[in-house]
């Protein structure tokens, strides 16, 4: 199963980190459309943030695992673009989870910084 976690700042629901881990096991490796879809969305979002918001995220990636802490950008327009792309990722992954709920689970956690 793929577990997706979004951590949001409680005050404004800004995404401050995300993690995608596991394997869908919907089909054999190389034929797993669920795993391929989740991978394309998550890696594509990281690439889009770099290309469109100008920010290279501090990403940790290995087989079946991708995570990042999301920095607040000084440039408000770039920060807004980055958050829009992250929200888009959340919507797309939720769409997959609604269709393939036995293989993808999404959770959101609220973070209250001290």
Protein backbone atom coordinates (compact mmCIF):
# COMPACT_ATOMS: atom_id res chain seq x y z
CA UNK A 1 0.00 0.00 0.00
CA UNK A 2 1.11 3.55 -0.71
CA UNK A 3 0.83 5.93 2.24
CA UNK A 4 0.77 9.65 1.50
CA UNK A 5 1.10 12.15 4.32
CA UNK A 6 0.67 15.89 4.03
CA UNK A 7 1.61 18.03 7.03
CA UNK A 8 -0.13 21.39 7.14
CA UNK A 9 0.54 24.38 9.34
CA UNK A 10 -2.58 24.65 11.50
CA UNK A 11 -2.83 28.45 11.36
CA UNK A 12 -3.25 28.71 7.57
CA UNK A 13 -3.30 25.09 6.28
CA UNK A 14 -0.10 25.72 4.28
CA UNK A 15 1.59 22.44 3.27
CA UNK A 16 4.89 22.32 5.18
CA UNK A 17 5.96 18.77 4.26
CA UNK A 18 4.85 15.65 2.47
CA UNK A 19 5.87 12.01 2.27
CA UNK A 20 4.92 9.29 -0.19
CA UNK A 21 5.98 5.79 0.78
CA UNK A 22 5.31 2.19 -0.09
CA UNK A 23 4.20 0.24 -3.12
CA UNK A 24 0.62 -0.08 -4.37
CA UNK A 25 0.87 -3.79 -5.22
CA UNK A 26 -2.04 -3.30 -7.61
CA UNK A 27 -0.19 -5.31 -10.26
CA UNK A 28 3.24 -6.78 -10.93
CA UNK A 29 6.19 -4.35 -10.93
CA UNK A 30 6.40 -2.62 -14.28
CA UNK A 31 2.64 -3.03 -14.85
CA UNK A 32 1.33 -1.28 -11.75
CA UNK A 33 -0.70 1.70 -12.99
CA UNK A 34 -1.47 2.89 -9.47
CA UNK A 35 2.20 3.05 -8.49
CA UNK A 36 3.07 4.68 -11.81
CA UNK A 37 0.34 7.30 -11.39
CA UNK A 38 1.37 8.20 -7.84
CA UNK A 39 5.03 8.37 -8.86
CA UNK A 40 4.31 10.54 -11.89
CA UNK A 41 2.22 12.98 -9.84
CA UNK A 42 4.63 13.28 -6.91
CA UNK A 43 7.88 13.48 -8.89
CA UNK A 44 6.21 15.68 -11.51
CA UNK A 45 5.09 18.10 -8.82
CA UNK A 46 8.62 18.38 -7.43
CA UNK A 47 9.91 19.06 -10.95
CA UNK A 48 7.14 21.59 -11.62
CA UNK A 49 7.97 23.49 -8.43
CA UNK A 50 11.56 23.80 -9.58
CA UNK A 51 10.56 24.90 -13.08
CA UNK A 52 7.65 27.23 -12.21
CA UNK A 53 8.43 28.52 -8.71
CA UNK A 54 12.21 28.49 -9.05
CA UNK A 55 12.71 26.43 -5.90
CA UNK A 56 14.69 23.21 -5.69
CA UNK A 57 13.02 21.35 -2.84
CA UNK A 58 15.11 19.44 -0.30
CA UNK A 59 13.90 16.04 -1.48
CA UNK A 60 14.72 12.63 -0.07
CA UNK A 61 14.05 9.86 -2.55
CA UNK A 62 14.71 6.14 -2.76
CA UNK A 63 12.80 3.11 -4.02
CA UNK A 64 9.21 3.52 -2.86
CA UNK A 65 9.83 6.69 -0.86
CA UNK A 66 9.77 10.43 -1.60
CA UNK A 67 9.59 13.18 0.99
CA UNK A 68 10.31 16.86 1.38
CA UNK A 69 10.09 19.64 3.91
CA UNK A 70 8.64 22.68 2.18
CA UNK A 71 10.43 25.98 2.80
CA UNK A 72 8.55 29.27 2.95
CA UNK A 73 9.79 31.35 0.04
CA UNK A 74 10.63 35.01 0.53
CA UNK A 75 9.04 35.89 -2.81
CA UNK A 76 5.28 35.74 -2.15
CA UNK A 77 4.37 35.05 -5.78
CA UNK A 78 6.77 32.09 -5.99
CA UNK A 79 5.55 30.80 -2.63
CA UNK A 80 1.94 31.01 -3.82
CA UNK A 81 2.82 29.12 -7.04
CA UNK A 82 4.59 26.44 -5.01
CA UNK A 83 1.61 26.02 -2.67
CA UNK A 84 -0.77 25.87 -5.64
CA UNK A 85 1.29 23.08 -7.19
CA UNK A 86 1.37 21.20 -3.86
CA UNK A 87 -2.41 21.58 -3.49
CA UNK A 88 -2.78 20.29 -7.04
CA UNK A 89 -0.68 17.26 -6.11
CA UNK A 90 -2.95 16.65 -3.11
CA UNK A 91 -6.08 16.78 -5.30
CA UNK A 92 -4.61 14.44 -7.93
CA UNK A 93 -3.43 11.91 -5.34
CA UNK A 94 -6.81 12.08 -3.60
CA UNK A 95 -8.47 11.28 -6.92
CA UNK A 96 -6.34 8.15 -7.25
CA UNK A 97 -7.04 7.19 -3.62
CA UNK A 98 -10.80 7.48 -4.21
CA UNK A 99 -10.57 5.04 -7.12
CA UNK A 100 -7.94 2.70 -5.66
CA UNK A 101 -8.48 3.03 -1.90
CA UNK A 102 -7.16 -0.46 -1.17
CA UNK A 103 -3.81 0.64 -2.61
CA UNK A 104 -3.43 4.33 -1.68
CA UNK A 105 -4.18 6.01 1.66
CA UNK A 106 -3.82 9.74 2.27
CA UNK A 107 -3.62 11.43 5.63
CA UNK A 108 -3.29 15.06 6.60
CA UNK A 109 -1.70 16.15 9.84
CA UNK A 110 -1.84 19.61 11.38
CA UNK A 111 1.33 21.15 12.72
CA UNK A 112 1.31 23.80 15.42
CA UNK A 113 4.75 25.43 15.46
CA UNK A 114 5.88 26.67 18.83
